[in-house]
PDB file of all heavy atoms in Angstrom:
ATOM      1  N   ASP A   1      23.078 -54.990   8.378  1.00  0.00           N
ATOM      2  CA  ASP A   1      23.458 -53.673   8.912  1.00  0.00           C
ATOM      3  C   ASP A   1      23.020 -53.574  10.376  1.00  0.00           C
ATOM      4  O   ASP A   1      23.712 -52.974  11.211  1.00  0.00           O
ATOM      5  CB  ASP A   1      22.808 -52.585   8.099  1.00  0.00           C
ATOM      6  CG  ASP A   1      23.346 -51.187   8.485  1.00  0.00           C
ATOM      7  OD1 ASP A   1      24.572 -51.004   8.361  1.00  0.00           O
ATOM      8  OD2 ASP A   1      22.535 -50.323   8.875  1.00  0.00           O
ATOM      9  N   ALA A   2      21.867 -54.154  10.712  1.00  0.00           N
ATOM     10  CA  ALA A   2      21.442 -54.164  12.131  1.00  0.00           C
ATOM     11  C   ALA A   2      22.419 -54.976  12.976  1.00  0.00           C
ATOM     12  O   ALA A   2      22.730 -54.609  14.117  1.00  0.00           O
ATOM     13  CB  ALA A   2      20.019 -54.749  12.246  1.00  0.00           C
ATOM     14  N   HIS A   3      22.905 -56.081  12.422  1.00  0.00           N
ATOM     15  CA  HIS A   3      23.923 -56.880  13.105  1.00  0.00           C
ATOM     16  C   HIS A   3      25.192 -56.056  13.333  1.00  0.00           C
ATOM     17  O   HIS A   3      25.783 -56.052  14.405  1.00  0.00           O
ATOM     18  CB  HIS A   3      24.233 -58.132  12.288  1.00  0.00           C
ATOM     19  CG  HIS A   3      25.225 -59.052  12.904  1.00  0.00           C
ATOM     20  ND1 HIS A   3      24.883 -60.188  13.594  1.00  0.00           N
ATOM     21  CD2 HIS A   3      26.599 -58.996  12.949  1.00  0.00           C
ATOM     22  CE1 HIS A   3      25.960 -60.801  14.040  1.00  0.00           C
ATOM     23  NE2 HIS A   3      27.016 -60.096  13.677  1.00  0.00           N
ATOM     24  N   HIS A   4      25.577 -55.336  12.289  1.00  0.00           N
ATOM     25  CA  HIS A   4      26.782 -54.490  12.366  1.00  0.00           C
ATOM     26  C   HIS A   4      26.599 -53.375  13.384  1.00  0.00           C
ATOM     27  O   HIS A   4      27.509 -53.111  14.195  1.00  0.00           O
ATOM     28  CB  HIS A   4      27.115 -53.935  10.990  1.00  0.00           C
ATOM     29  CG  HIS A   4      28.259 -52.969  10.987  1.00  0.00           C
ATOM     30  ND1 HIS A   4      28.128 -51.673  10.519  1.00  0.00           N
ATOM     31  CD2 HIS A   4      29.517 -53.083  11.403  1.00  0.00           C
ATOM     32  CE1 HIS A   4      29.299 -51.055  10.638  1.00  0.00           C
ATOM     33  NE2 HIS A   4      30.162 -51.888  11.179  1.00  0.00           N
ATOM     34  N   ALA A   5      25.449 -52.728  13.392  1.00  0.00           N
ATOM     35  CA  ALA A   5      25.182 -51.665  14.361  1.00  0.00           C
ATOM     36  C   ALA A   5      25.199 -52.207  15.788  1.00  0.00           C
ATOM     37  O   ALA A   5      25.701 -51.552  16.722  1.00  0.00           O
ATOM     38  CB  ALA A   5      23.839 -51.005  14.052  1.00  0.00           C
ATOM     39  N   ALA A   6      24.674 -53.418  15.964  1.00  0.00           N
ATOM     40  CA  ALA A   6      24.723 -54.023  17.312  1.00  0.00           C
ATOM     41  C   ALA A   6      26.162 -54.340  17.727  1.00  0.00           C
ATOM     42  O   ALA A   6      26.513 -54.216  18.895  1.00  0.00           O
ATOM     43  CB  ALA A   6      23.866 -55.297  17.325  1.00  0.00           C
ATOM     44  N   ALA A   7      26.965 -54.750  16.761  1.00  0.00           N
ATOM     45  CA  ALA A   7      28.391 -54.986  17.073  1.00  0.00           C
ATOM     46  C   ALA A   7      29.098 -53.736  17.542  1.00  0.00           C
ATOM     47  O   ALA A   7      29.884 -53.730  18.461  1.00  0.00           O
ATOM     48  CB  ALA A   7      29.101 -55.618  15.884  1.00  0.00           C
ATOM     49  N   ARG A   8      28.773 -52.634  16.878  1.00  0.00           N
ATOM     50  CA  ARG A   8      29.364 -51.359  17.252  1.00  0.00           C
ATOM     51  C   ARG A   8      28.883 -50.912  18.640  1.00  0.00           C
ATOM     52  O   ARG A   8      29.637 -50.366  19.463  1.00  0.00           O
ATOM     53  CB  ARG A   8      29.047 -50.306  16.219  1.00  0.00           C
ATOM     54  CG  ARG A   8      29.768 -50.519  14.896  1.00  0.00           C
ATOM     55  CD  ARG A   8      29.229 -49.681  13.760  1.00  0.00           C
ATOM     56  NE  ARG A   8      29.396 -48.255  14.013  1.00  0.00           N
ATOM     57  CZ  ARG A   8      29.179 -47.299  13.089  1.00  0.00           C
ATOM     58  NH1 ARG A   8      28.779 -47.649  11.876  1.00  0.00           N
ATOM     59  NH2 ARG A   8      29.357 -46.046  13.356  1.00  0.00           N
ATOM     60  N   ARG A   9      27.590 -51.112  18.924  1.00  0.00           N
ATOM     61  CA  ARG A   9      27.073 -50.766  20.250  1.00  0.00           C
ATOM     62  C   ARG A   9      27.744 -51.656  21.325  1.00  0.00           C
ATOM     63  O   ARG A   9      28.046 -51.147  22.426  1.00  0.00           O
ATOM     64  CB  ARG A   9      25.564 -50.950  20.301  1.00  0.00           C
ATOM     65  CG  ARG A   9      24.799 -49.840  19.587  1.00  0.00           C
ATOM     66  CD  ARG A   9      23.324 -49.877  19.977  1.00  0.00           C
ATOM     67  NE  ARG A   9      22.735 -51.169  19.668  1.00  0.00           N
ATOM     68  CZ  ARG A   9      22.204 -51.484  18.486  1.00  0.00           C
ATOM     69  NH1 ARG A   9      22.188 -50.592  17.494  1.00  0.00           N
ATOM     70  NH2 ARG A   9      21.656 -52.665  18.282  1.00  0.00           N
ATOM     71  N   LEU A  10      27.913 -52.930  21.008  1.00  0.00           N
ATOM     72  CA  LEU A  10      28.547 -53.802  21.975  1.00  0.00           C
ATOM     73  C   LEU A  10      29.973 -53.367  22.267  1.00  0.00           C
ATOM     74  O   LEU A  10      30.401 -53.338  23.428  1.00  0.00           O
ATOM     75  CB  LEU A  10      28.510 -55.250  21.447  1.00  0.00           C
ATOM     76  CG  LEU A  10      28.958 -56.359  22.376  1.00  0.00           C
ATOM     77  CD1 LEU A  10      28.206 -57.647  22.114  1.00  0.00           C
ATOM     78  CD2 LEU A  10      30.473 -56.622  22.263  1.00  0.00           C
ATOM     79  N   LEU A  11      30.705 -53.036  21.217  1.00  0.00           N
ATOM     80  CA  LEU A  11      32.076 -52.558  21.418  1.00  0.00           C
ATOM     81  C   LEU A  11      32.131 -51.311  22.273  1.00  0.00           C
ATOM     82  O   LEU A  11      32.956 -51.174  23.179  1.00  0.00           O
ATOM     83  CB  LEU A  11      32.756 -52.304  20.074  1.00  0.00           C
ATOM     84  CG  LEU A  11      34.152 -51.707  20.107  1.00  0.00           C
ATOM     85  CD1 LEU A  11      35.134 -52.650  20.810  1.00  0.00           C
ATOM     86  CD2 LEU A  11      34.636 -51.402  18.702  1.00  0.00           C
ATOM     87  N   ALA A  12      31.233 -50.357  22.006  1.00  0.00           N
ATOM     88  CA  ALA A  12      31.201 -49.108  22.764  1.00  0.00           C
ATOM     89  C   ALA A  12      30.842 -49.385  24.250  1.00  0.00           C
ATOM     90  O   ALA A  12      31.488 -48.861  25.164  1.00  0.00           O
ATOM     91  CB  ALA A  12      30.227 -48.130  22.166  1.00  0.00           C
ATOM     92  N   ALA A  13      29.829 -50.225  24.468  1.00  0.00           N
ATOM     93  CA  ALA A  13      29.413 -50.505  25.848  1.00  0.00           C
ATOM     94  C   ALA A  13      30.522 -51.309  26.602  1.00  0.00           C
ATOM     95  O   ALA A  13      30.764 -51.051  27.777  1.00  0.00           O
ATOM     96  CB  ALA A  13      28.114 -51.300  25.878  1.00  0.00           C
ATOM     97  N   TRP A  14      31.124 -52.217  25.888  1.00  0.00           N
ATOM     98  CA  TRP A  14      32.209 -52.993  26.497  1.00  0.00           C
ATOM     99  C   TRP A  14      33.396 -52.082  26.867  1.00  0.00           C
ATOM    100  O   TRP A  14      33.947 -52.201  27.966  1.00  0.00           O
ATOM    101  CB  TRP A  14      32.671 -54.097  25.523  1.00  0.00           C
ATOM    102  CG  TRP A  14      33.814 -54.933  25.996  1.00  0.00           C
ATOM    103  CD1 TRP A  14      35.136 -54.737  25.826  1.00  0.00           C
ATOM    104  CD2 TRP A  14      33.723 -56.156  26.750  1.00  0.00           C
ATOM    105  NE1 TRP A  14      35.874 -55.719  26.392  1.00  0.00           N
ATOM    106  CE2 TRP A  14      35.024 -56.635  26.976  1.00  0.00           C
ATOM    107  CE3 TRP A  14      32.629 -56.881  27.235  1.00  0.00           C
ATOM    108  CZ2 TRP A  14      35.286 -57.792  27.665  1.00  0.00           C
ATOM    109  CZ3 TRP A  14      32.892 -58.079  27.927  1.00  0.00           C
ATOM    110  CH2 TRP A  14      34.209 -58.506  28.146  1.00  0.00           C
ATOM    111  N   SER A  15      33.740 -51.174  26.003  1.00  0.00           N
ATOM    112  CA  SER A  15      34.857 -50.259  26.251  1.00  0.00           C
ATOM    113  C   SER A  15      34.534 -49.309  27.410  1.00  0.00           C
ATOM    114  O   SER A  15      35.394 -49.021  28.232  1.00  0.00           O
ATOM    115  CB  SER A  15      35.207 -49.500  24.994  1.00  0.00           C
ATOM    116  OG  SER A  15      35.570 -50.368  23.940  1.00  0.00           O
ATOM    117  N   ASP A  16      33.282 -48.836  27.449  1.00  0.00           N
ATOM    118  CA  ASP A  16      32.896 -47.974  28.582  1.00  0.00           C
ATOM    119  C   ASP A  16      33.042 -48.721  29.917  1.00  0.00           C
ATOM    120  O   ASP A  16      33.536 -48.139  30.892  1.00  0.00           O
ATOM    121  CB  ASP A  16      31.459 -47.505  28.407  1.00  0.00           C
ATOM    122  CG  ASP A  16      31.301 -46.520  27.266  1.00  0.00           C
ATOM    123  OD1 ASP A  16      32.323 -45.911  26.845  1.00  0.00           O
ATOM    124  OD2 ASP A  16      30.171 -46.315  26.794  1.00  0.00           O
ATOM    125  N   TRP A  17      32.624 -49.971  29.930  1.00  0.00           N
ATOM    126  CA  TRP A  17      32.754 -50.730  31.163  1.00  0.00           C
ATOM    127  C   TRP A  17      34.219 -50.993  31.508  1.00  0.00           C
ATOM    128  O   TRP A  17      34.606 -50.932  32.668  1.00  0.00           O
ATOM    129  CB  TRP A  17      31.989 -52.067  31.047  1.00  0.00           C
ATOM    130  CG  TRP A  17      32.094 -52.858  32.301  1.00  0.00           C
ATOM    131  CD1 TRP A  17      31.374 -52.722  33.421  1.00  0.00           C
ATOM    132  CD2 TRP A  17      33.002 -53.947  32.527  1.00  0.00           C
ATOM    133  NE1 TRP A  17      31.776 -53.644  34.384  1.00  0.00           N
ATOM    134  CE2 TRP A  17      32.768 -54.393  33.848  1.00  0.00           C
ATOM    135  CE3 TRP A  17      34.000 -54.560  31.772  1.00  0.00           C
ATOM    136  CZ2 TRP A  17      33.487 -55.471  34.403  1.00  0.00           C
ATOM    137  CZ3 TRP A  17      34.696 -55.627  32.297  1.00  0.00           C
ATOM    138  CH2 TRP A  17      34.447 -56.051  33.614  1.00  0.00           C
ATOM    139  N   GLN A  18      35.013 -51.260  30.513  1.00  0.00           N
ATOM    140  CA  GLN A  18      36.451 -51.504  30.768  1.00  0.00           C
ATOM    141  C   GLN A  18      37.100 -50.229  31.329  1.00  0.00           C
ATOM    142  O   GLN A  18      37.916 -50.316  32.279  1.00  0.00           O
ATOM    143  CB  GLN A  18      37.168 -51.906  29.456  1.00  0.00           C
ATOM    144  CG  GLN A  18      36.811 -53.324  29.003  1.00  0.00           C
ATOM    145  CD  GLN A  18      37.594 -54.397  29.765  1.00  0.00           C
ATOM    146  OE1 GLN A  18      38.075 -54.145  30.893  1.00  0.00           O
ATOM    147  NE2 GLN A  18      37.729 -55.566  29.204  1.00  0.00           N
ATOM    148  N   ARG A  19      36.749 -49.067  30.769  1.00  0.00           N
ATOM    149  CA  ARG A  19      37.319 -47.835  31.310  1.00  0.00           C
ATOM    150  C   ARG A  19      36.881 -47.622  32.766  1.00  0.00           C
ATOM    151  O   ARG A  19      37.688 -47.176  33.602  1.00  0.00           O
ATOM    152  CB  ARG A  19      36.913 -46.655  30.437  1.00  0.00           C
ATOM    153  CG  ARG A  19      37.756 -46.493  29.168  1.00  0.00           C
ATOM    154  CD  ARG A  19      37.412 -45.236  28.426  1.00  0.00           C
ATOM    155  NE  ARG A  19      36.166 -45.411  27.694  1.00  0.00           N
ATOM    156  CZ  ARG A  19      36.085 -45.796  26.431  1.00  0.00           C
ATOM    157  NH1 ARG A  19      37.182 -46.052  25.768  1.00  0.00           N
ATOM    158  NH2 ARG A  19      34.908 -45.883  25.832  1.00  0.00           N
ATOM    159  N   ALA A  20      35.605 -47.870  33.033  1.00  0.00           N
ATOM    160  CA  ALA A  20      35.122 -47.713  34.407  1.00  0.00           C
ATOM    161  C   ALA A  20      35.800 -48.708  35.346  1.00  0.00           C
ATOM    162  O   ALA A  20      36.115 -48.400  36.491  1.00  0.00           O
ATOM    163  CB  ALA A  20      33.617 -47.880  34.459  1.00  0.00           C
ATOM    164  N   ARG A  21      36.060 -49.910  34.842  1.00  0.00           N
ATOM    165  CA  ARG A  21      36.673 -50.909  35.705  1.00  0.00           C
ATOM    166  C   ARG A  21      38.118 -50.564  36.025  1.00  0.00           C
ATOM    167  O   ARG A  21      38.541 -50.667  37.203  1.00  0.00           O
ATOM    168  CB  ARG A  21      36.612 -52.317  35.032  1.00  0.00           C
ATOM    169  CG  ARG A  21      37.236 -53.377  35.915  1.00  0.00           C
ATOM    170  CD  ARG A  21      37.083 -54.761  35.312  1.00  0.00           C
ATOM    171  NE  ARG A  21      37.934 -54.986  34.181  1.00  0.00           N
ATOM    172  CZ  ARG A  21      38.251 -56.223  33.725  1.00  0.00           C
ATOM    173  NH1 ARG A  21      37.764 -57.280  34.320  1.00  0.00           N
ATOM    174  NH2 ARG A  21      39.012 -56.353  32.682  1.00  0.00           N
ATOM    175  N   VAL A  22      38.907 -50.143  35.041  1.00  0.00           N
ATOM    176  CA  VAL A  22      40.296 -49.824  35.307  1.00  0.00           C
ATOM    177  C   VAL A  22      40.385 -48.590  36.220  1.00  0.00           C
ATOM    178  O   VAL A  22      41.312 -48.480  37.040  1.00  0.00           O
ATOM    179  CB  VAL A  22      41.071 -49.595  34.026  1.00  0.00           C
ATOM    180  CG1 VAL A  22      41.094 -50.860  33.179  1.00  0.00           C
ATOM    181  CG2 VAL A  22      40.574 -48.436  33.225  1.00  0.00           C
ATOM    182  N   GLU A  23      39.420 -47.667  36.100  1.00  0.00           N
ATOM    183  CA  GLU A  23      39.438 -46.538  37.006  1.00  0.00           C
ATOM    184  C   GLU A  23      39.172 -46.994  38.440  1.00  0.00           C
ATOM    185  O   GLU A  23      39.835 -46.542  39.409  1.00  0.00           O
ATOM    186  CB  GLU A  23      38.396 -45.498  36.596  1.00  0.00           C
ATOM    187  CG  GLU A  23      38.405 -44.260  37.482  1.00  0.00           C
ATOM    188  CD  GLU A  23      37.445 -43.194  37.002  1.00  0.00           C
ATOM    189  OE1 GLU A  23      36.692 -43.458  36.041  1.00  0.00           O
ATOM    190  OE2 GLU A  23      37.423 -42.099  37.621  1.00  0.00           O
ATOM    191  N   ARG A  24      38.228 -47.894  38.605  1.00  0.00           N
ATOM    192  CA  ARG A  24      37.954 -48.392  39.962  1.00  0.00           C
ATOM    193  C   ARG A  24      39.160 -49.144  40.506  1.00  0.00           C
ATOM    194  O   ARG A  24      39.531 -49.005  41.668  1.00  0.00           O
ATOM    195  CB  ARG A  24      36.724 -49.318  39.904  1.00  0.00           C
ATOM    196  CG  ARG A  24      36.163 -49.670  41.280  1.00  0.00           C
ATOM    197  CD  ARG A  24      36.707 -50.961  41.798  1.00  0.00           C
ATOM    198  NE  ARG A  24      36.498 -52.051  40.851  1.00  0.00           N
ATOM    199  CZ  ARG A  24      37.156 -53.196  40.864  1.00  0.00           C
ATOM    200  NH1 ARG A  24      38.097 -53.420  41.795  1.00  0.00           N
ATOM    201  NH2 ARG A  24      36.916 -54.133  39.956  1.00  0.00           N
ATOM    202  N   GLU A  25      39.808 -49.975  39.673  1.00  0.00           N
ATOM    203  CA  GLU A  25      40.975 -50.705  40.107  1.00  0.00           C
ATOM    204  C   GLU A  25      42.105 -49.745  40.472  1.00  0.00           C
ATOM    205  O   GLU A  25      42.796 -49.943  41.512  1.00  0.00           O
ATOM    206  CB  GLU A  25      41.451 -51.647  39.017  1.00  0.00           C
ATOM    207  CG  GLU A  25      40.498 -52.791  38.720  1.00  0.00           C
ATOM    208  CD  GLU A  25      40.912 -53.605  37.537  1.00  0.00           C
ATOM    209  OE1 GLU A  25      41.978 -53.312  36.944  1.00  0.00           O
ATOM    210  OE2 GLU A  25      40.211 -54.545  37.160  1.00  0.00           O
ATOM    211  N   GLN A  26      42.273 -48.690  39.668  1.00  0.00           N
ATOM    212  CA  GLN A  26      43.347 -47.728  39.973  1.00  0.00           C
ATOM    213  C   GLN A  26      43.068 -46.967  41.247  1.00  0.00           C
ATOM    214  O   GLN A  26      43.973 -46.714  42.057  1.00  0.00           O
ATOM    215  CB  GLN A  26      43.506 -46.760  38.820  1.00  0.00           C
ATOM    216  CG  GLN A  26      44.859 -46.104  38.708  1.00  0.00           C
ATOM    217  CD  GLN A  26      45.947 -47.104  38.428  1.00  0.00           C
ATOM    218  OE1 GLN A  26      45.807 -48.006  37.621  1.00  0.00           O
ATOM    219  NE2 GLN A  26      47.086 -46.945  39.108  1.00  0.00           N
ATOM    220  N   MET A  27      41.794 -46.606  41.460  1.00  0.00           N
ATOM    221  CA  MET A  27      41.467 -45.913  42.693  1.00  0.00           C
ATOM    222  C   MET A  27      41.635 -46.824  43.906  1.00  0.00           C
ATOM    223  O   MET A  27      42.012 -46.376  44.982  1.00  0.00           O
ATOM    224  CB  MET A  27      40.039 -45.407  42.621  1.00  0.00           C
ATOM    225  CG  MET A  27      39.801 -44.277  41.599  1.00  0.00           C
ATOM    226  SD  MET A  27      40.826 -42.823  41.902  1.00  0.00           S
ATOM    227  CE  MET A  27      42.119 -43.050  40.617  1.00  0.00           C
ATOM    228  N   GLN A  28      41.364 -48.116  43.740  1.00  0.00           N
ATOM    229  CA  GLN A  28      41.577 -49.059  44.826  1.00  0.00           C
ATOM    230  C   GLN A  28      43.066 -49.145  45.157  1.00  0.00           C
ATOM    231  O   GLN A  28      43.445 -49.191  46.335  1.00  0.00           O
ATOM    232  CB  GLN A  28      41.039 -50.446  44.428  1.00  0.00           C
ATOM    233  CG  GLN A  28      41.152 -51.489  45.518  1.00  0.00           C
ATOM    234  CD  GLN A  28      40.312 -51.134  46.732  1.00  0.00           C
ATOM    235  OE1 GLN A  28      39.097 -51.020  46.650  1.00  0.00           O
ATOM    236  NE2 GLN A  28      40.979 -50.955  47.898  1.00  0.00           N
ATOM    237  N   GLN A  29      43.917 -49.164  44.136  1.00  0.00           N
ATOM    238  CA  GLN A  29      45.326 -49.164  44.384  1.00  0.00           C
ATOM    239  C   GLN A  29      45.780 -47.891  45.093  1.00  0.00           C
ATOM    240  O   GLN A  29      46.631 -47.949  45.998  1.00  0.00           O
ATOM    241  CB  GLN A  29      46.110 -49.330  43.063  1.00  0.00           C
ATOM    242  CG  GLN A  29      45.969 -50.677  42.413  1.00  0.00           C
ATOM    243  CD  GLN A  29      46.779 -50.797  41.134  1.00  0.00           C
ATOM    244  OE1 GLN A  29      47.666 -49.985  40.896  1.00  0.00           O
ATOM    245  NE2 GLN A  29      46.470 -51.781  40.324  1.00  0.00           N
TER     246      GLN A  29
END
C-alpha cells in the first residue's frame, strides 16, 4: 500500500509539472 500511495503521489506530481510546463510553453508561444 505504501508503494501504491507513492505511485499515486508520483502521478500527481508528474501531472502538476506537466501542466506547469505546457503553460510555460504556451506563454512562450
